């Protein structure tokens, strides 16, 4: 054995010495509990740590969801306030009629008007417009766009409400808006849709 070691070069001897030291250190760490090789238990070893971290991330996500304002997309009901992007909205009324305004400003419906009243607060730091984001749907899935002339006529007559198609909602302010749609007389189960999200607000007829 001694003759064999004597034949080895200095580099080989050094490599053997380093290997022995490494083995001794590993054995010492295992014996002292400094290295955890894992176990079959759910809470032990590397797999247990990974699963625990995943559970913590999921719990944190649930907590964030609980703190977020309703509703990002889906459905809401009339008179129910909800957050939609930078806006806090509530649809306060639905009025069906065959004409809007009076006198020289009278606008008559082809069949019937659906006038929707809203209260909106801009919760952002910049002006926001609802103009192209308001649509009306019925129970058959038909989609109706706003009637700009009828909406302007109602807003002109009612000083408490502004034209929801053209007004720029200023930051931090709450504003009452109106928007008017042309719909068939037999249209039922009307819903106001805010596109770009989206949210459907079920309207009481």
Protein backbone atom coordinates (compact mmCIF):
# COMPACT_ATOMS: atom_id res chain seq x y z
CA UNK A 1 0.00 0.00 0.00
CA UNK A 2 2.82 2.38 0.95
CA UNK A 3 4.73 1.51 -2.27
CA UNK A 4 1.58 2.21 -4.33
CA UNK A 5 1.15 5.61 -2.72
CA UNK A 6 4.80 6.38 -3.29
CA UNK A 7 4.36 5.84 -7.01
CA UNK A 8 1.58 8.45 -7.25
CA UNK A 9 2.41 12.00 -8.20
CA UNK A 10 1.91 14.93 -5.86
CA UNK A 11 -1.23 16.06 -7.74
CA UNK A 12 -2.85 12.64 -7.43
CA UNK A 13 -2.11 12.51 -3.71
CA UNK A 14 -3.62 15.96 -3.23
CA UNK A 15 -6.79 14.93 -5.11
CA UNK A 16 -7.18 11.84 -2.92
CA UNK A 17 -6.70 13.93 0.20
CA UNK A 18 -9.38 16.45 -0.88
CA UNK A 19 -11.80 13.61 -1.67
CA UNK A 20 -11.32 12.10 1.76
CA UNK A 21 -11.91 15.47 3.43
CA UNK A 22 -15.12 16.03 1.47
CA UNK A 23 -16.45 12.58 2.41
CA UNK A 24 -15.68 13.16 6.07
CA UNK A 25 -17.41 16.57 6.05
CA UNK A 26 -20.56 15.14 4.39
CA UNK A 27 -20.71 12.27 6.88
CA UNK A 28 -20.36 14.75 9.74
CA UNK A 29 -23.15 17.00 8.45
CA UNK A 30 -25.53 14.08 7.98
CA UNK A 31 -24.80 12.75 11.44
CA UNK A 32 -25.33 16.18 13.04
CA UNK A 33 -28.62 16.83 11.20
CA UNK A 34 -27.25 19.72 9.11
CA UNK A 35 -28.40 18.12 5.85
CA UNK A 36 -32.06 17.10 5.32
CA UNK A 37 -32.33 14.42 2.68
CA UNK A 38 -36.13 14.65 2.64
CA UNK A 39 -38.77 12.24 3.76
CA UNK A 40 -42.06 10.74 2.66
CA UNK A 41 -44.04 12.99 5.04
CA UNK A 42 -45.99 15.86 3.40
CA UNK A 43 -44.32 18.45 5.61
CA UNK A 44 -40.72 17.11 5.30
CA UNK A 45 -37.92 17.49 2.80
CA UNK A 46 -37.69 19.59 -0.33
CA UNK A 47 -41.10 18.56 -1.71
CA UNK A 48 -42.79 19.58 1.53
CA UNK A 49 -41.15 23.00 1.39
CA UNK A 50 -42.23 23.52 -2.22
CA UNK A 51 -45.83 22.56 -1.45
CA UNK A 52 -45.89 24.86 1.57
CA UNK A 53 -44.63 27.81 -0.51
CA UNK A 54 -47.27 27.14 -3.18
CA UNK A 55 -50.01 27.11 -0.53
CA UNK A 56 -48.77 30.43 0.86
CA UNK A 57 -48.83 32.02 -2.62
CA UNK A 58 -52.39 30.77 -3.18
CA UNK A 59 -53.53 32.15 0.17
CA UNK A 60 -51.94 35.51 -0.63
CA UNK A 61 -53.76 35.58 -3.98
CA UNK A 62 -57.08 34.88 -2.27
CA UNK A 63 -56.45 37.70 0.20
CA UNK A 64 -55.74 40.13 -2.64
CA UNK A 65 -58.95 39.06 -4.40
CA UNK A 66 -60.98 39.72 -1.24
CA UNK A 67 -59.63 43.27 -1.08
CA UNK A 68 -60.37 44.11 -4.73
CA UNK A 69 -63.54 46.05 -5.60
CA UNK A 70 -66.49 44.30 -7.26
CA UNK A 71 -67.17 43.74 -10.21
CA UNK A 72 -64.41 43.44 -12.85
CA UNK A 73 -66.60 41.60 -15.30
CA UNK A 74 -69.87 39.70 -15.17
CA UNK A 75 -73.26 40.89 -13.98
CA UNK A 76 -74.69 43.51 -11.64
CA UNK A 77 -78.18 44.64 -10.73
CA UNK A 78 -79.95 47.98 -10.96
CA UNK A 79 -79.29 50.24 -7.93
CA UNK A 80 -76.21 48.12 -7.11
CA UNK A 81 -72.98 50.14 -7.08
CA UNK A 82 -69.94 48.41 -8.58
CA UNK A 83 -66.41 49.26 -9.67
CA UNK A 84 -65.66 49.16 -13.39
CA UNK A 85 -62.07 50.07 -14.14
CA UNK A 86 -61.62 53.68 -13.01
CA UNK A 87 -65.35 54.24 -12.48
CA UNK A 88 -67.77 53.56 -9.64
CA UNK A 89 -71.25 53.16 -11.15
CA UNK A 90 -74.86 52.53 -10.26
CA UNK A 91 -77.77 52.32 -12.71
CA UNK A 92 -80.61 54.09 -10.89
CA UNK A 93 -83.59 53.87 -13.26
CA UNK A 94 -84.99 52.61 -16.57
CA UNK A 95 -87.80 54.57 -18.26
CA UNK A 96 -89.76 53.37 -21.32
CA UNK A 97 -91.57 55.91 -23.48
CA UNK A 98 -92.56 56.72 -27.05
CA UNK A 99 -91.07 60.22 -27.04
CA UNK A 100 -88.56 62.30 -25.14
CA UNK A 101 -88.34 66.03 -24.47
CA UNK A 102 -91.21 68.37 -25.31
CA UNK A 103 -92.17 71.22 -27.64
CA UNK A 104 -89.65 72.08 -30.33
CA UNK A 105 -87.17 69.53 -28.96
CA UNK A 106 -89.57 66.57 -29.08
CA UNK A 107 -87.98 63.38 -30.40
CA UNK A 108 -90.36 60.52 -31.18
CA UNK A 109 -89.36 56.85 -31.09
CA UNK A 110 -89.79 54.50 -34.02
CA UNK A 111 -91.39 52.12 -31.52
CA UNK A 112 -90.11 52.93 -28.03
CA UNK A 113 -87.27 54.58 -26.13
CA UNK A 114 -85.41 53.01 -23.23
CA UNK A 115 -83.94 55.81 -21.11
CA UNK A 116 -81.25 54.67 -18.67
CA UNK A 117 -80.17 56.86 -15.73
CA UNK A 118 -76.77 56.36 -14.10
CA UNK A 119 -74.71 57.77 -11.27
CA UNK A 120 -70.97 57.60 -11.94
CA UNK A 121 -67.89 58.57 -9.91
CA UNK A 122 -64.46 58.85 -11.53
CA UNK A 123 -62.00 57.25 -9.09
CA UNK A 124 -58.94 57.82 -11.30
CA UNK A 125 -56.63 60.83 -11.66
CA UNK A 126 -57.67 61.74 -15.22
CA UNK A 127 -60.89 62.49 -17.14
CA UNK A 128 -62.80 59.45 -18.41
CA UNK A 129 -65.56 59.19 -21.03
CA UNK A 130 -68.21 56.46 -21.25
CA UNK A 131 -69.25 57.47 -24.78
CA UNK A 132 -68.49 54.37 -26.84
CA UNK A 133 -68.79 51.85 -24.01
CA UNK A 134 -72.57 51.83 -23.43
CA UNK A 135 -74.81 49.29 -25.18
CA UNK A 136 -78.24 47.81 -24.45
CA UNK A 137 -79.11 44.10 -24.81
CA UNK A 138 -82.43 42.30 -24.58
CA UNK A 139 -83.34 38.74 -23.62
CA UNK A 140 -82.92 37.57 -27.23
CA UNK A 141 -79.31 38.74 -27.31
CA UNK A 142 -80.01 41.69 -29.60
CA UNK A 143 -77.61 44.63 -29.14
CA UNK A 144 -78.75 48.26 -29.36
CA UNK A 145 -76.50 51.31 -29.66
CA UNK A 146 -77.39 54.65 -28.04
CA UNK A 147 -79.54 57.24 -29.81
CA UNK A 148 -77.41 60.40 -29.72
CA UNK A 149 -80.23 62.79 -30.67
CA UNK A 150 -82.66 61.46 -28.06
CA UNK A 151 -79.95 61.39 -25.38
CA UNK A 152 -79.00 65.02 -26.07
CA UNK A 153 -82.68 66.05 -25.95
CA UNK A 154 -83.22 64.44 -22.53
CA UNK A 155 -80.01 65.95 -21.13
CA UNK A 156 -81.05 69.38 -22.42
CA UNK A 157 -84.46 69.12 -20.73
CA UNK A 158 -83.19 67.65 -17.43
CA UNK A 159 -80.64 70.01 -15.85
CA UNK A 160 -79.82 67.46 -13.14
CA UNK A 161 -78.35 64.99 -15.64
CA UNK A 162 -75.67 65.18 -18.29
CA UNK A 163 -75.34 63.50 -21.67
CA UNK A 164 -73.60 60.17 -20.97
CA UNK A 165 -72.37 59.95 -24.55
CA UNK A 166 -70.34 63.15 -24.66
CA UNK A 167 -69.49 64.21 -21.11
CA UNK A 168 -65.93 63.82 -19.82
CA UNK A 169 -66.08 62.61 -16.22
CA UNK A 170 -63.60 64.58 -14.12
CA UNK A 171 -61.39 62.91 -11.46
CA UNK A 172 -62.93 62.52 -8.01
CA UNK A 173 -66.35 63.84 -9.05
CA UNK A 174 -69.71 62.05 -9.03
CA UNK A 175 -72.04 62.81 -11.95
CA UNK A 176 -75.60 61.82 -12.89
CA UNK A 177 -75.83 60.74 -16.53
CA UNK A 178 -78.53 59.75 -19.01
CA UNK A 179 -78.37 57.61 -22.16
CA UNK A 180 -81.30 56.75 -24.45
CA UNK A 181 -81.78 53.73 -26.76
CA UNK A 182 -84.31 52.90 -29.47
CA UNK A 183 -85.80 49.43 -28.79
CA UNK A 184 -88.77 47.38 -30.06
CA UNK A 185 -92.00 47.55 -28.05
CA UNK A 186 -91.76 43.86 -27.12
CA UNK A 187 -88.12 43.97 -25.98
CA UNK A 188 -87.76 42.25 -22.60
CA UNK A 189 -85.07 41.49 -20.02
CA UNK A 190 -83.05 44.57 -20.89
CA UNK A 191 -79.44 44.81 -19.75
CA UNK A 192 -77.06 47.75 -19.95
CA UNK A 193 -73.63 46.58 -21.09
CA UNK A 194 -70.42 48.43 -20.31
CA UNK A 195 -67.99 47.11 -22.88
CA UNK A 196 -64.26 46.80 -22.44
CA UNK A 197 -64.60 44.58 -19.38
CA UNK A 198 -67.39 43.78 -19.52
CA UNK A 199 -70.34 44.20 -17.10
CA UNK A 200 -74.03 43.62 -17.84
CA UNK A 201 -76.44 45.46 -15.52
CA UNK A 202 -79.87 43.80 -15.28
CA UNK A 203 -82.54 46.48 -15.60
CA UNK A 204 -85.93 46.41 -13.86
CA UNK A 205 -88.78 47.01 -16.26
